[in-house]
Amino acid sequence: MKALGQLAAISFISLAAAGGTYWIKGPPSRTFVCDPATLKPDEVCLQQIPPDAKVLWVDARLRKDWEKTGVPAAVLWNLDPAEDMQAFEAEIALHILETPRVIVYCGDENCGTSRQIAERIRSLQLGADVSVLRGGWRALSEAGRTKKPIKDSNPSS
């Protein structure tokens, strides 16, 4: 019984200390931080790209995500088997003629889709400078560079 009382006291003190820390310091920061020193050769941090830079953004997420919350003027290219890969290639080729700097992003920093899409774009040999965005959509969203989610006009669906 004595051990149970000690456990309760320790738990109470721990919870009180955690609650006090949360109240004084606030919640932990969960923002994405990109360290340029840790980048792979084909990666880029968002802070290295000025908001007004002439860049072709390629969204490697699913079509529904791209439509709702993509970067304005971004083009879609994903690995969904239901999509038309030749149409993606044709659209990218047209855009690269105007904007030879291409940055591919997907859902987050651990998504490998953006790297696969970047390799496919490089394989087109159009002379584009192709990079993968470290942090992906999350980094873009936190920086306020994505479209705002569109509310569903039919809440019953």
N, C-alpha and C. Protein backbone atom coordinates (compact mmCIF):
# COMPACT_ATOMS: atom_id res chain seq x y z
N MET A 1 0.82 -1.20 0.00
CA MET A 1 0.00 0.00 0.00
C MET A 1 0.86 1.26 0.00
N LYS A 2 2.02 1.19 0.71
CA LYS A 2 2.92 2.34 0.75
C LYS A 2 3.46 2.66 -0.65
N ALA A 3 3.79 1.63 -1.44
CA ALA A 3 4.31 1.82 -2.79
C ALA A 3 3.25 2.49 -3.68
N LEU A 4 2.01 2.12 -3.51
CA LEU A 4 0.93 2.72 -4.29
C LEU A 4 0.79 4.21 -3.98
N GLY A 5 0.94 4.59 -2.74
CA GLY A 5 0.88 5.99 -2.34
C GLY A 5 2.05 6.77 -2.91
N GLN A 6 3.24 6.15 -2.90
CA GLN A 6 4.41 6.82 -3.48
C GLN A 6 4.24 7.01 -4.98
N LEU A 7 3.70 6.00 -5.66
CA LEU A 7 3.46 6.11 -7.09
C LEU A 7 2.47 7.23 -7.40
N ALA A 8 1.43 7.33 -6.58
CA ALA A 8 0.45 8.39 -6.78
C ALA A 8 1.08 9.77 -6.56
N ALA A 9 1.93 9.91 -5.55
CA ALA A 9 2.58 11.19 -5.27
C ALA A 9 3.52 11.58 -6.41
N ILE A 10 4.31 10.62 -6.88
CA ILE A 10 5.24 10.89 -7.99
C ILE A 10 4.46 11.27 -9.24
N SER A 11 3.38 10.57 -9.52
CA SER A 11 2.56 10.87 -10.70
C SER A 11 1.96 12.27 -10.59
N PHE A 12 1.45 12.62 -9.41
CA PHE A 12 0.87 13.95 -9.22
C PHE A 12 1.92 15.05 -9.42
N ILE A 13 3.09 14.87 -8.83
CA ILE A 13 4.16 15.88 -8.96
C ILE A 13 4.60 16.00 -10.42
N SER A 14 4.73 14.87 -11.11
CA SER A 14 5.14 14.89 -12.52
C SER A 14 4.11 15.59 -13.38
N LEU A 15 2.85 15.27 -13.20
CA LEU A 15 1.80 15.91 -13.97
C LEU A 15 1.72 17.41 -13.67
N ALA A 16 1.89 17.78 -12.42
CA ALA A 16 1.86 19.20 -12.05
C ALA A 16 3.03 19.94 -12.70
N ALA A 17 4.22 19.33 -12.70
CA ALA A 17 5.39 19.96 -13.33
C ALA A 17 5.19 20.08 -14.84
N ALA A 18 4.67 19.04 -15.46
CA ALA A 18 4.42 19.08 -16.91
C ALA A 18 3.37 20.14 -17.24
N GLY A 19 2.31 20.19 -16.46
CA GLY A 19 1.26 21.19 -16.68
C GLY A 19 1.78 22.60 -16.49
N GLY A 20 2.61 22.81 -15.46
CA GLY A 20 3.20 24.12 -15.23
C GLY A 20 4.13 24.53 -16.37
N THR A 21 4.93 23.61 -16.84
CA THR A 21 5.81 23.91 -17.97
C THR A 21 5.00 24.27 -19.21
N TYR A 22 3.95 23.52 -19.48
CA TYR A 22 3.09 23.80 -20.63
C TYR A 22 2.45 25.17 -20.48
N TRP A 23 1.99 25.49 -19.29
CA TRP A 23 1.31 26.77 -19.05
C TRP A 23 2.28 27.93 -19.20
N ILE A 24 3.51 27.79 -18.71
CA ILE A 24 4.51 28.87 -18.76
C ILE A 24 5.14 28.98 -20.15
N LYS A 25 5.61 27.87 -20.69
CA LYS A 25 6.35 27.86 -21.96
C LYS A 25 5.46 27.70 -23.18
N GLY A 26 4.30 27.12 -23.00
CA GLY A 26 3.40 26.86 -24.12
C GLY A 26 3.66 25.49 -24.72
N PRO A 27 2.92 25.15 -25.75
CA PRO A 27 3.09 23.82 -26.37
C PRO A 27 4.43 23.73 -27.10
N PRO A 28 4.91 22.52 -27.32
CA PRO A 28 6.18 22.36 -28.03
C PRO A 28 6.04 22.82 -29.48
N SER A 29 7.13 23.33 -30.03
CA SER A 29 7.14 23.77 -31.42
C SER A 29 7.21 22.55 -32.33
N ARG A 30 6.29 22.48 -33.27
CA ARG A 30 6.27 21.37 -34.19
C ARG A 30 6.47 21.84 -35.64
N THR A 31 7.04 23.02 -35.80
CA THR A 31 7.27 23.54 -37.14
C THR A 31 8.45 22.83 -37.78
N PHE A 32 8.40 22.75 -39.08
CA PHE A 32 9.47 22.08 -39.83
C PHE A 32 10.66 23.02 -39.95
N VAL A 33 11.84 22.50 -39.65
CA VAL A 33 13.07 23.27 -39.77
C VAL A 33 13.99 22.54 -40.74
N CYS A 34 14.46 23.25 -41.74
CA CYS A 34 15.34 22.66 -42.75
C CYS A 34 16.76 23.19 -42.53
N ASP A 35 17.70 22.31 -42.36
CA ASP A 35 19.09 22.68 -42.18
C ASP A 35 19.82 22.45 -43.50
N PRO A 36 20.24 23.50 -44.19
CA PRO A 36 20.92 23.34 -45.48
C PRO A 36 22.16 22.46 -45.42
N ALA A 37 22.78 22.36 -44.25
CA ALA A 37 23.98 21.53 -44.11
C ALA A 37 23.68 20.04 -44.22
N THR A 38 22.40 19.66 -44.03
CA THR A 38 22.05 18.24 -44.07
C THR A 38 21.38 17.80 -45.37
N LEU A 39 21.32 18.71 -46.34
CA LEU A 39 20.63 18.41 -47.60
C LEU A 39 21.40 17.40 -48.44
N LYS A 40 20.65 16.58 -49.16
CA LYS A 40 21.25 15.71 -50.17
C LYS A 40 21.52 16.58 -51.40
N PRO A 41 22.35 16.12 -52.33
CA PRO A 41 22.72 16.97 -53.48
C PRO A 41 21.54 17.50 -54.30
N ASP A 42 20.45 16.75 -54.38
CA ASP A 42 19.32 17.20 -55.21
C ASP A 42 18.20 17.86 -54.40
N GLU A 43 18.44 18.15 -53.12
CA GLU A 43 17.42 18.75 -52.28
C GLU A 43 17.65 20.25 -52.10
N VAL A 44 16.57 20.93 -51.73
CA VAL A 44 16.62 22.36 -51.48
C VAL A 44 15.68 22.67 -50.30
N CYS A 45 16.07 23.65 -49.49
CA CYS A 45 15.21 24.14 -48.41
C CYS A 45 14.32 25.25 -48.95
N LEU A 46 13.14 25.37 -48.42
CA LEU A 46 12.21 26.40 -48.87
C LEU A 46 12.77 27.80 -48.66
N GLN A 47 13.49 28.01 -47.56
CA GLN A 47 14.03 29.35 -47.30
C GLN A 47 15.09 29.76 -48.32
N GLN A 48 15.58 28.82 -49.12
CA GLN A 48 16.54 29.14 -50.17
C GLN A 48 15.86 29.62 -51.45
N ILE A 49 14.54 29.55 -51.49
CA ILE A 49 13.77 29.92 -52.68
C ILE A 49 12.92 31.15 -52.36
N PRO A 50 13.26 32.29 -52.92
CA PRO A 50 12.44 33.49 -52.66
C PRO A 50 11.00 33.27 -53.14
N PRO A 51 10.03 33.83 -52.43
CA PRO A 51 8.63 33.64 -52.81
C PRO A 51 8.31 34.09 -54.24
N ASP A 52 9.07 35.06 -54.76
CA ASP A 52 8.81 35.55 -56.11
C ASP A 52 9.72 34.92 -57.17
N ALA A 53 10.47 33.89 -56.80
CA ALA A 53 11.36 33.23 -57.76
C ALA A 53 10.55 32.53 -58.85
N LYS A 54 11.10 32.51 -60.04
CA LYS A 54 10.42 31.85 -61.16
C LYS A 54 10.74 30.35 -61.08
N VAL A 55 9.77 29.61 -60.56
CA VAL A 55 9.94 28.18 -60.30
C VAL A 55 8.71 27.44 -60.80
N LEU A 56 8.94 26.29 -61.39
CA LEU A 56 7.85 25.39 -61.74
C LEU A 56 7.70 24.41 -60.59
N TRP A 57 6.61 24.54 -59.84
CA TRP A 57 6.34 23.63 -58.73
C TRP A 57 5.62 22.41 -59.28
N VAL A 58 6.09 21.22 -58.90
CA VAL A 58 5.47 19.97 -59.31
C VAL A 58 4.99 19.26 -58.05
N ASP A 59 3.69 19.04 -57.97
CA ASP A 59 3.07 18.38 -56.82
C ASP A 59 3.01 16.89 -57.09
N ALA A 60 3.66 16.11 -56.23
CA ALA A 60 3.71 14.66 -56.41
C ALA A 60 2.69 13.94 -55.52
N ARG A 61 1.75 14.68 -54.97
CA ARG A 61 0.72 14.07 -54.13
C ARG A 61 -0.45 13.60 -54.99
N LEU A 62 -1.45 13.04 -54.37
CA LEU A 62 -2.64 12.60 -55.09
C LEU A 62 -3.38 13.80 -55.68
N ARG A 63 -4.10 13.57 -56.75
CA ARG A 63 -4.83 14.64 -57.44
C ARG A 63 -5.76 15.40 -56.49
N LYS A 64 -6.49 14.69 -55.64
CA LYS A 64 -7.44 15.37 -54.74
C LYS A 64 -6.72 16.31 -53.78
N ASP A 65 -5.51 15.95 -53.33
CA ASP A 65 -4.74 16.82 -52.45
C ASP A 65 -4.20 18.03 -53.22
N TRP A 66 -3.73 17.80 -54.43
CA TRP A 66 -3.21 18.87 -55.28
C TRP A 66 -4.31 19.90 -55.56
N GLU A 67 -5.51 19.42 -55.88
CA GLU A 67 -6.61 20.33 -56.19
C GLU A 67 -7.01 21.17 -54.98
N LYS A 68 -6.99 20.58 -53.79
CA LYS A 68 -7.45 21.28 -52.60
C LYS A 68 -6.39 22.20 -51.99
N THR A 69 -5.16 21.72 -51.89
CA THR A 69 -4.17 22.46 -51.09
C THR A 69 -2.81 22.55 -51.74
N GLY A 70 -2.74 22.51 -53.04
CA GLY A 70 -1.44 22.61 -53.71
C GLY A 70 -0.92 24.03 -53.75
N VAL A 71 0.26 24.18 -54.29
CA VAL A 71 0.83 25.51 -54.51
C VAL A 71 0.11 26.11 -55.72
N PRO A 72 -0.32 27.37 -55.63
CA PRO A 72 -0.96 27.98 -56.80
C PRO A 72 -0.05 27.88 -58.03
N ALA A 73 -0.61 27.51 -59.15
CA ALA A 73 0.10 27.34 -60.44
C ALA A 73 0.99 26.10 -60.48
N ALA A 74 0.95 25.25 -59.47
CA ALA A 74 1.73 24.01 -59.51
C ALA A 74 1.10 23.04 -60.49
N VAL A 75 1.93 22.20 -61.09
CA VAL A 75 1.42 21.15 -61.96
C VAL A 75 1.47 19.83 -61.21
N LEU A 76 0.62 18.94 -61.61
CA LEU A 76 0.52 17.64 -60.95
C LEU A 76 1.33 16.59 -61.71
N TRP A 77 2.04 15.76 -60.97
CA TRP A 77 2.66 14.56 -61.53
C TRP A 77 2.83 13.61 -60.36
N ASN A 78 2.01 12.56 -60.35
CA ASN A 78 2.14 11.58 -59.28
C ASN A 78 2.30 10.19 -59.87
N LEU A 79 2.38 9.20 -59.01
CA LEU A 79 2.60 7.82 -59.46
C LEU A 79 1.33 6.99 -59.41
N ASP A 80 0.19 7.64 -59.34
CA ASP A 80 -1.10 6.94 -59.32
C ASP A 80 -1.29 6.21 -60.65
N PRO A 81 -1.48 4.89 -60.62
CA PRO A 81 -1.63 4.15 -61.88
C PRO A 81 -2.85 4.56 -62.69
N ALA A 82 -3.82 5.21 -62.07
CA ALA A 82 -5.01 5.66 -62.79
C ALA A 82 -4.74 6.93 -63.60
N GLU A 83 -3.61 7.58 -63.36
CA GLU A 83 -3.27 8.82 -64.06
C GLU A 83 -2.57 8.52 -65.39
N ASP A 84 -2.56 9.50 -66.28
CA ASP A 84 -1.93 9.39 -67.60
C ASP A 84 -0.51 9.95 -67.53
N MET A 85 0.48 9.08 -67.46
CA MET A 85 1.88 9.50 -67.33
C MET A 85 2.35 10.30 -68.55
N GLN A 86 1.87 9.96 -69.73
CA GLN A 86 2.27 10.70 -70.93
C GLN A 86 1.75 12.13 -70.89
N ALA A 87 0.57 12.31 -70.35
CA ALA A 87 0.02 13.66 -70.21
C ALA A 87 0.87 14.48 -69.23
N PHE A 88 1.31 13.84 -68.14
CA PHE A 88 2.19 14.52 -67.20
C PHE A 88 3.47 14.97 -67.89
N GLU A 89 4.07 14.05 -68.66
CA GLU A 89 5.32 14.37 -69.36
C GLU A 89 5.14 15.53 -70.34
N ALA A 90 4.05 15.51 -71.08
CA ALA A 90 3.80 16.56 -72.05
C ALA A 90 3.61 17.92 -71.37
N GLU A 91 2.85 17.93 -70.29
CA GLU A 91 2.62 19.19 -69.59
C GLU A 91 3.91 19.73 -68.98
N ILE A 92 4.69 18.86 -68.37
CA ILE A 92 5.97 19.29 -67.79
C ILE A 92 6.88 19.84 -68.87
N ALA A 93 6.95 19.16 -70.01
CA ALA A 93 7.83 19.60 -71.10
C ALA A 93 7.46 21.02 -71.55
N LEU A 94 6.18 21.30 -71.67
CA LEU A 94 5.73 22.64 -72.06
C LEU A 94 6.13 23.70 -71.02
N HIS A 95 5.95 23.37 -69.76
CA HIS A 95 6.26 24.32 -68.70
C HIS A 95 7.77 24.54 -68.55
N ILE A 96 8.56 23.49 -68.76
CA ILE A 96 10.01 23.62 -68.61
C ILE A 96 10.59 24.56 -69.66
N LEU A 97 9.98 24.63 -70.81
CA LEU A 97 10.45 25.57 -71.83
C LEU A 97 10.37 27.01 -71.32
N GLU A 98 9.36 27.31 -70.49
CA GLU A 98 9.19 28.65 -69.94
C GLU A 98 9.93 28.84 -68.62
N THR A 99 9.99 27.79 -67.82
CA THR A 99 10.57 27.86 -66.48
C THR A 99 11.49 26.67 -66.26
N PRO A 100 12.79 26.83 -66.51
CA PRO A 100 13.69 25.68 -66.41
C PRO A 100 14.07 25.28 -64.98
N ARG A 101 13.60 26.00 -63.96
CA ARG A 101 13.86 25.62 -62.56
C ARG A 101 12.64 24.87 -62.04
N VAL A 102 12.81 23.59 -61.70
CA VAL A 102 11.71 22.73 -61.27
C VAL A 102 11.97 22.27 -59.84
N ILE A 103 10.95 22.38 -58.99
CA ILE A 103 11.03 21.87 -57.63
C ILE A 103 9.84 20.96 -57.40
N VAL A 104 10.14 19.73 -57.02
CA VAL A 104 9.12 18.71 -56.79
C VAL A 104 8.89 18.57 -55.29
N TYR A 105 7.62 18.49 -54.90
CA TYR A 105 7.30 18.28 -53.49
C TYR A 105 6.21 17.23 -53.36
N CYS A 106 6.21 16.56 -52.22
CA CYS A 106 5.12 15.64 -51.92
C CYS A 106 4.64 15.92 -50.49
N GLY A 107 4.04 14.95 -49.85
CA GLY A 107 3.37 15.19 -48.57
C GLY A 107 4.24 15.67 -47.43
N ASP A 108 5.42 15.10 -47.26
CA ASP A 108 6.31 15.52 -46.18
C ASP A 108 7.74 15.12 -46.51
N GLU A 109 8.63 15.31 -45.56
CA GLU A 109 10.04 15.07 -45.85
C GLU A 109 10.37 13.59 -46.05
N ASN A 110 9.54 12.69 -45.58
CA ASN A 110 9.83 11.27 -45.71
C ASN A 110 9.20 10.63 -46.94
N CYS A 111 8.51 11.41 -47.72
CA CYS A 111 7.85 10.90 -48.91
C CYS A 111 8.88 10.70 -50.02
N GLY A 112 9.01 9.51 -50.53
CA GLY A 112 9.98 9.24 -51.59
C GLY A 112 9.44 9.51 -52.99
N THR A 113 8.16 9.80 -53.09
CA THR A 113 7.54 10.03 -54.39
C THR A 113 8.17 11.22 -55.11
N SER A 114 8.47 12.28 -54.38
CA SER A 114 9.03 13.47 -55.02
C SER A 114 10.39 13.16 -55.67
N ARG A 115 11.17 12.33 -55.03
CA ARG A 115 12.47 11.98 -55.60
C ARG A 115 12.28 11.12 -56.87
N GLN A 116 11.31 10.23 -56.87
CA GLN A 116 11.03 9.41 -58.06
C GLN A 116 10.55 10.28 -59.21
N ILE A 117 9.68 11.24 -58.92
CA ILE A 117 9.19 12.14 -59.96
C ILE A 117 10.33 13.00 -60.49
N ALA A 118 11.18 13.48 -59.60
CA ALA A 118 12.33 14.30 -60.03
C ALA A 118 13.22 13.51 -60.98
N GLU A 119 13.44 12.24 -60.69
CA GLU A 119 14.25 11.40 -61.58
C GLU A 119 13.59 11.24 -62.95
N ARG A 120 12.28 11.10 -62.95
CA ARG A 120 11.56 10.98 -64.23
C ARG A 120 11.66 12.26 -65.05
N ILE A 121 11.59 13.40 -64.37
CA ILE A 121 11.70 14.68 -65.08
C ILE A 121 13.12 14.83 -65.64
N ARG A 122 14.12 14.47 -64.85
CA ARG A 122 15.50 14.53 -65.34
C ARG A 122 15.71 13.62 -66.53
N SER A 123 15.04 12.46 -66.52
CA SER A 123 15.21 11.49 -67.62
C SER A 123 14.63 12.01 -68.94
N LEU A 124 13.78 13.04 -68.89
CA LEU A 124 13.26 13.65 -70.11
C LEU A 124 14.35 14.45 -70.84
N GLN A 125 15.43 14.77 -70.13
CA GLN A 125 16.59 15.48 -70.68
C GLN A 125 16.19 16.78 -71.38
N LEU A 126 15.47 17.60 -70.63
CA LEU A 126 15.02 18.90 -71.17
C LEU A 126 15.90 20.04 -70.67
N GLY A 127 16.96 19.72 -69.96
CA GLY A 127 17.88 20.74 -69.48
C GLY A 127 17.39 21.49 -68.25
N ALA A 128 16.41 20.95 -67.58
CA ALA A 128 15.86 21.62 -66.40
C ALA A 128 16.74 21.37 -65.17
N ASP A 129 16.75 22.35 -64.29
CA ASP A 129 17.39 22.22 -62.99
C ASP A 129 16.30 21.69 -62.05
N VAL A 130 16.36 20.41 -61.70
CA VAL A 130 15.31 19.75 -60.93
C VAL A 130 15.79 19.48 -59.50
N SER A 131 15.00 19.93 -58.53
CA SER A 131 15.31 19.73 -57.12
C SER A 131 14.11 19.13 -56.41
N VAL A 132 14.38 18.54 -55.25
CA VAL A 132 13.33 18.01 -54.38
C VAL A 132 13.27 18.92 -53.16
N LEU A 133 12.06 19.31 -52.76
CA LEU A 133 11.89 20.20 -51.62
C LEU A 133 11.94 19.40 -50.33
N ARG A 134 12.90 19.70 -49.48
CA ARG A 134 12.98 19.05 -48.16
C ARG A 134 11.81 19.57 -47.33
N GLY A 135 11.05 18.67 -46.77
CA GLY A 135 9.88 19.05 -45.97
C GLY A 135 8.59 19.00 -46.74
N GLY A 136 8.68 19.00 -48.07
CA GLY A 136 7.51 18.85 -48.92
C GLY A 136 6.39 19.83 -48.64
N TRP A 137 5.17 19.33 -48.79
CA TRP A 137 3.99 20.17 -48.63
C TRP A 137 3.92 20.79 -47.25
N ARG A 138 4.38 20.07 -46.25
CA ARG A 138 4.33 20.60 -44.89
C ARG A 138 5.12 21.91 -44.79
N ALA A 139 6.32 21.95 -45.36
CA ALA A 139 7.13 23.16 -45.33
C ALA A 139 6.42 24.29 -46.07
N LEU A 140 5.83 23.98 -47.21
CA LEU A 140 5.11 24.99 -47.99
C LEU A 140 3.90 25.51 -47.23
N SER A 141 3.17 24.61 -46.61
CA SER A 141 1.97 24.98 -45.87
C SER A 141 2.31 25.88 -44.68
N GLU A 142 3.35 25.51 -43.93
CA GLU A 142 3.74 26.31 -42.77
C GLU A 142 4.22 27.70 -43.19
N ALA A 143 4.76 27.82 -44.39
CA ALA A 143 5.22 29.11 -44.90
C ALA A 143 4.10 29.91 -45.56
N GLY A 144 2.89 29.33 -45.63
CA GLY A 144 1.75 30.02 -46.22
C GLY A 144 1.78 30.10 -47.73
N ARG A 145 2.46 29.16 -48.39
CA ARG A 145 2.57 29.20 -49.85
C ARG A 145 1.61 28.25 -50.56
N THR A 146 0.68 27.65 -49.84
CA THR A 146 -0.27 26.73 -50.46
C THR A 146 -1.64 27.37 -50.54
N LYS A 147 -2.49 26.77 -51.38
CA LYS A 147 -3.88 27.21 -51.45
C LYS A 147 -4.56 26.83 -50.14
N LYS A 148 -5.52 27.61 -49.78
CA LYS A 148 -6.32 27.28 -48.60
C LYS A 148 -7.25 26.14 -48.97
N PRO A 149 -7.50 25.22 -48.02
CA PRO A 149 -8.43 24.13 -48.33
C PRO A 149 -9.80 24.67 -48.72
N ILE A 150 -10.39 24.07 -49.74
CA ILE A 150 -11.71 24.45 -50.20
C ILE A 150 -12.73 23.67 -49.39
N LYS A 151 -13.67 24.37 -48.78
CA LYS A 151 -14.70 23.68 -48.01
C LYS A 151 -15.62 22.94 -48.95
N ASP A 152 -15.99 21.75 -48.54
CA ASP A 152 -16.89 20.92 -49.33
C ASP A 152 -18.26 21.56 -49.36
N SER A 153 -18.78 21.81 -50.56
CA SER A 153 -20.09 22.45 -50.67
C SER A 153 -21.23 21.49 -50.36
N ASN A 154 -20.93 20.19 -50.32
CA ASN A 154 -21.94 19.20 -50.01
C ASN A 154 -21.52 18.44 -48.77
N PRO A 155 -21.91 18.90 -47.56
CA PRO A 155 -21.46 18.28 -46.33
C PRO A 155 -21.94 16.85 -46.14
N SER A 156 -22.93 16.41 -46.86
CA SER A 156 -23.44 15.04 -46.68
C SER A 156 -22.60 14.01 -47.41
N SER A 157 -21.66 14.44 -48.26
CA SER A 157 -20.87 13.46 -49.00
C SER A 157 -19.71 12.95 -48.22
